[in-house]
Each structure stands twice: as structure tokens, then as C-alpha cells.
Amino acid sequence: MEMQNDFDRLLFFEHARKTAETTYAKDPLDAENLTRWGGALLELSQFQSVTESKKMISGIVLITSIVIPAKRFS
């Protein structure tokens, strides 16, 4: 049963990541979308190897560097 829950979480957050990427292409300064994208990457990083997880977390840091200035000046 645990594996099914993990698989469901993986699918859910992968869909959230793809949706956020599509939304980013339309509006790259949408702070809420960037926050969702970072959250999805953080959740997905739990399913990866240590190396891949570090890459995903680096992506979150990059997204955060976009979100903070976007929220500050909006």
C-alpha cells in the first residue's frame, strides 16, 4: 500500500511540475507559480538519487532567486 501512495505522490507532483513549467513559459514572473514549481521540485527530489536530488534543490534555489524579487516589486 505504501508503494501505491508513493507512486500517486510522484505522479501528482510530476504533473504539478509540468504545469508550472508551462505556466512559466506564459508568465515568467508569476510568483505563485514559481512557488508551486519549487514545491513540486522539492517533493520530487525525495524520489531521486542524492546527486539528482541536489540538482533539483539547486533548481529550487534558482527559482527562489526569481520569486523573491518578483514579490518585492509587485
N, C-alpha and C. Protein backbone atom coordinates (compact mmCIF):
# COMPACT_ATOMS: atom_id res chain seq x y z
N MET A 1 0.82 -1.19 0.00
CA MET A 1 0.00 0.00 0.00
C MET A 1 0.87 1.26 0.00
N GLU A 2 1.98 1.22 0.73
CA GLU A 2 2.89 2.36 0.81
C GLU A 2 3.43 2.72 -0.58
N MET A 3 3.77 1.70 -1.37
CA MET A 3 4.30 1.95 -2.71
C MET A 3 3.27 2.65 -3.58
N GLN A 4 2.01 2.31 -3.44
CA GLN A 4 0.97 2.96 -4.24
C GLN A 4 0.86 4.43 -3.86
N ASN A 5 0.94 4.74 -2.57
CA ASN A 5 0.90 6.13 -2.12
C ASN A 5 2.08 6.91 -2.67
N ASP A 6 3.27 6.31 -2.64
CA ASP A 6 4.46 6.97 -3.19
C ASP A 6 4.31 7.20 -4.69
N PHE A 7 3.79 6.23 -5.39
CA PHE A 7 3.59 6.37 -6.83
C PHE A 7 2.57 7.47 -7.12
N ASP A 8 1.49 7.51 -6.35
CA ASP A 8 0.48 8.56 -6.53
C ASP A 8 1.08 9.95 -6.28
N ARG A 9 1.91 10.06 -5.23
CA ARG A 9 2.57 11.34 -4.94
C ARG A 9 3.51 11.72 -6.08
N LEU A 10 4.26 10.76 -6.58
CA LEU A 10 5.17 11.01 -7.69
C LEU A 10 4.41 11.55 -8.90
N LEU A 11 3.33 10.89 -9.26
CA LEU A 11 2.53 11.34 -10.40
C LEU A 11 1.95 12.73 -10.17
N PHE A 12 1.43 12.96 -8.97
CA PHE A 12 0.82 14.25 -8.65
C PHE A 12 1.84 15.39 -8.79
N PHE A 13 3.01 15.22 -8.18
CA PHE A 13 4.00 16.30 -8.21
C PHE A 13 4.68 16.43 -9.56
N GLU A 14 4.78 15.35 -10.31
CA GLU A 14 5.31 15.45 -11.67
C GLU A 14 4.35 16.26 -12.54
N HIS A 15 3.07 16.02 -12.37
CA HIS A 15 2.07 16.81 -13.10
C HIS A 15 2.14 18.29 -12.69
N ALA A 16 2.27 18.54 -11.39
CA ALA A 16 2.38 19.92 -10.89
C ALA A 16 3.61 20.60 -11.47
N ARG A 17 4.72 19.87 -11.56
CA ARG A 17 5.96 20.43 -12.13
C ARG A 17 5.78 20.80 -13.59
N LYS A 18 5.19 19.90 -14.36
CA LYS A 18 4.98 20.17 -15.78
C LYS A 18 4.03 21.33 -16.00
N THR A 19 2.98 21.40 -15.19
CA THR A 19 2.03 22.50 -15.29
C THR A 19 2.72 23.83 -14.98
N ALA A 20 3.55 23.83 -13.94
CA ALA A 20 4.26 25.05 -13.56
C ALA A 20 5.24 25.48 -14.66
N GLU A 21 5.90 24.53 -15.30
CA GLU A 21 6.81 24.87 -16.39
C GLU A 21 6.05 25.50 -17.56
N THR A 22 4.89 24.96 -17.87
CA THR A 22 4.07 25.52 -18.95
C THR A 22 3.61 26.93 -18.60
N THR A 23 3.18 27.12 -17.36
CA THR A 23 2.74 28.44 -16.91
C THR A 23 3.90 29.42 -16.92
N TYR A 24 5.09 28.96 -16.55
CA TYR A 24 6.28 29.81 -16.55
C TYR A 24 6.56 30.35 -17.95
N ALA A 25 6.36 29.52 -18.96
CA ALA A 25 6.60 29.97 -20.33
C ALA A 25 5.66 31.12 -20.71
N LYS A 26 4.47 31.14 -20.14
CA LYS A 26 3.49 32.19 -20.43
C LYS A 26 3.72 33.44 -19.57
N ASP A 27 4.11 33.24 -18.31
CA ASP A 27 4.29 34.36 -17.38
C ASP A 27 5.44 34.05 -16.43
N PRO A 28 6.67 34.39 -16.84
CA PRO A 28 7.83 34.01 -16.04
C PRO A 28 7.94 34.70 -14.68
N LEU A 29 7.19 35.76 -14.44
CA LEU A 29 7.28 36.46 -13.16
C LEU A 29 6.11 36.16 -12.22
N ASP A 30 5.31 35.15 -12.53
CA ASP A 30 4.20 34.76 -11.67
C ASP A 30 4.77 34.09 -10.42
N ALA A 31 4.81 34.86 -9.33
CA ALA A 31 5.45 34.39 -8.09
C ALA A 31 4.76 33.16 -7.52
N GLU A 32 3.44 33.11 -7.58
CA GLU A 32 2.72 31.94 -7.05
C GLU A 32 3.08 30.69 -7.84
N ASN A 33 3.16 30.82 -9.16
CA ASN A 33 3.52 29.67 -9.99
C ASN A 33 4.95 29.22 -9.69
N LEU A 34 5.86 30.17 -9.55
CA LEU A 34 7.24 29.81 -9.24
C LEU A 34 7.34 29.10 -7.89
N THR A 35 6.52 29.52 -6.95
CA THR A 35 6.49 28.86 -5.64
C THR A 35 5.97 27.43 -5.77
N ARG A 36 4.91 27.25 -6.57
CA ARG A 36 4.38 25.88 -6.81
C ARG A 36 5.43 25.02 -7.49
N TRP A 37 6.13 25.59 -8.45
CA TRP A 37 7.16 24.86 -9.18
C TRP A 37 8.27 24.41 -8.22
N GLY A 38 8.73 25.32 -7.38
CA GLY A 38 9.75 24.96 -6.39
C GLY A 38 9.28 23.89 -5.43
N GLY A 39 8.04 23.99 -4.99
CA GLY A 39 7.47 22.98 -4.09
C GLY A 39 7.39 21.61 -4.74
N ALA A 40 7.00 21.60 -6.01
CA ALA A 40 6.92 20.33 -6.74
C ALA A 40 8.31 19.71 -6.89
N LEU A 41 9.31 20.55 -7.21
CA LEU A 41 10.67 20.03 -7.34
C LEU A 41 11.18 19.48 -6.00
N LEU A 42 10.86 20.17 -4.93
CA LEU A 42 11.30 19.70 -3.61
C LEU A 42 10.69 18.34 -3.29
N GLU A 43 9.39 18.18 -3.57
CA GLU A 43 8.74 16.88 -3.34
C GLU A 43 9.33 15.80 -4.24
N LEU A 44 9.56 16.13 -5.50
CA LEU A 44 10.10 15.14 -6.43
C LEU A 44 11.54 14.76 -6.09
N SER A 45 12.27 15.67 -5.47
CA SER A 45 13.66 15.37 -5.13
C SER A 45 13.76 14.20 -4.15
N GLN A 46 12.71 13.96 -3.40
CA GLN A 46 12.71 12.85 -2.44
C GLN A 46 12.73 11.48 -3.12
N PHE A 47 12.37 11.44 -4.39
CA PHE A 47 12.31 10.18 -5.13
C PHE A 47 13.57 9.93 -5.95
N GLN A 48 14.56 10.83 -5.87
CA GLN A 48 15.74 10.76 -6.71
C GLN A 48 16.96 10.28 -5.91
N SER A 49 18.01 10.00 -6.64
CA SER A 49 19.29 9.69 -6.00
C SER A 49 19.82 10.98 -5.37
N VAL A 50 20.85 10.85 -4.56
CA VAL A 50 21.41 12.02 -3.88
C VAL A 50 21.88 13.06 -4.90
N THR A 51 22.56 12.62 -5.94
CA THR A 51 23.07 13.54 -6.96
C THR A 51 21.93 14.28 -7.67
N GLU A 52 20.93 13.54 -8.10
CA GLU A 52 19.79 14.15 -8.78
C GLU A 52 19.00 15.06 -7.83
N SER A 53 18.90 14.64 -6.59
CA SER A 53 18.19 15.44 -5.59
C SER A 53 18.89 16.79 -5.41
N LYS A 54 20.22 16.78 -5.36
CA LYS A 54 20.97 18.03 -5.23
C LYS A 54 20.74 18.94 -6.43
N LYS A 55 20.67 18.37 -7.62
CA LYS A 55 20.40 19.17 -8.82
C LYS A 55 19.03 19.82 -8.74
N MET A 56 18.04 19.06 -8.29
CA MET A 56 16.68 19.60 -8.18
C MET A 56 16.62 20.70 -7.14
N ILE A 57 17.31 20.50 -6.03
CA ILE A 57 17.31 21.52 -4.98
C ILE A 57 18.04 22.78 -5.48
N SER A 58 19.07 22.62 -6.29
CA SER A 58 19.73 23.79 -6.89
C SER A 58 18.75 24.55 -7.78
N GLY A 59 17.89 23.82 -8.47
CA GLY A 59 16.85 24.46 -9.28
C GLY A 59 15.89 25.25 -8.42
N ILE A 60 15.59 24.73 -7.23
CA ILE A 60 14.70 25.44 -6.32
C ILE A 60 15.35 26.75 -5.87
N VAL A 61 16.64 26.72 -5.61
CA VAL A 61 17.36 27.93 -5.20
C VAL A 61 17.28 28.96 -6.33
N LEU A 62 17.44 28.53 -7.56
CA LEU A 62 17.34 29.43 -8.71
C LEU A 62 15.93 30.02 -8.81
N ILE A 63 14.94 29.18 -8.66
CA ILE A 63 13.55 29.66 -8.72
C ILE A 63 13.30 30.67 -7.60
N THR A 64 13.81 30.38 -6.41
CA THR A 64 13.64 31.29 -5.28
C THR A 64 14.28 32.64 -5.57
N SER A 65 15.39 32.65 -6.27
CA SER A 65 16.05 33.92 -6.59
C SER A 65 15.20 34.74 -7.56
N ILE A 66 14.30 34.10 -8.26
CA ILE A 66 13.37 34.81 -9.14
C ILE A 66 12.14 35.26 -8.36
N VAL A 67 11.64 34.40 -7.48
CA VAL A 67 10.40 34.68 -6.73
C VAL A 67 10.57 35.87 -5.80
N ILE A 68 11.64 35.92 -5.04
CA ILE A 68 11.80 36.98 -4.05
C ILE A 68 11.79 38.36 -4.69
N PRO A 69 12.58 38.62 -5.74
CA PRO A 69 12.48 39.95 -6.37
C PRO A 69 11.12 40.20 -7.00
N ALA A 70 10.49 39.18 -7.55
CA ALA A 70 9.17 39.36 -8.17
C ALA A 70 8.14 39.79 -7.13
N LYS A 71 8.17 39.19 -5.95
CA LYS A 71 7.23 39.56 -4.88
C LYS A 71 7.57 40.93 -4.32
N ARG A 72 8.82 41.27 -4.23
CA ARG A 72 9.25 42.51 -3.66
C ARG A 72 8.79 43.72 -4.48
N PHE A 73 8.79 43.57 -5.80
CA PHE A 73 8.49 44.71 -6.66
C PHE A 73 7.09 44.67 -7.27
N SER A 74 6.25 43.76 -6.84
CA SER A 74 4.90 43.72 -7.41
C SER A 74 3.92 44.42 -6.52
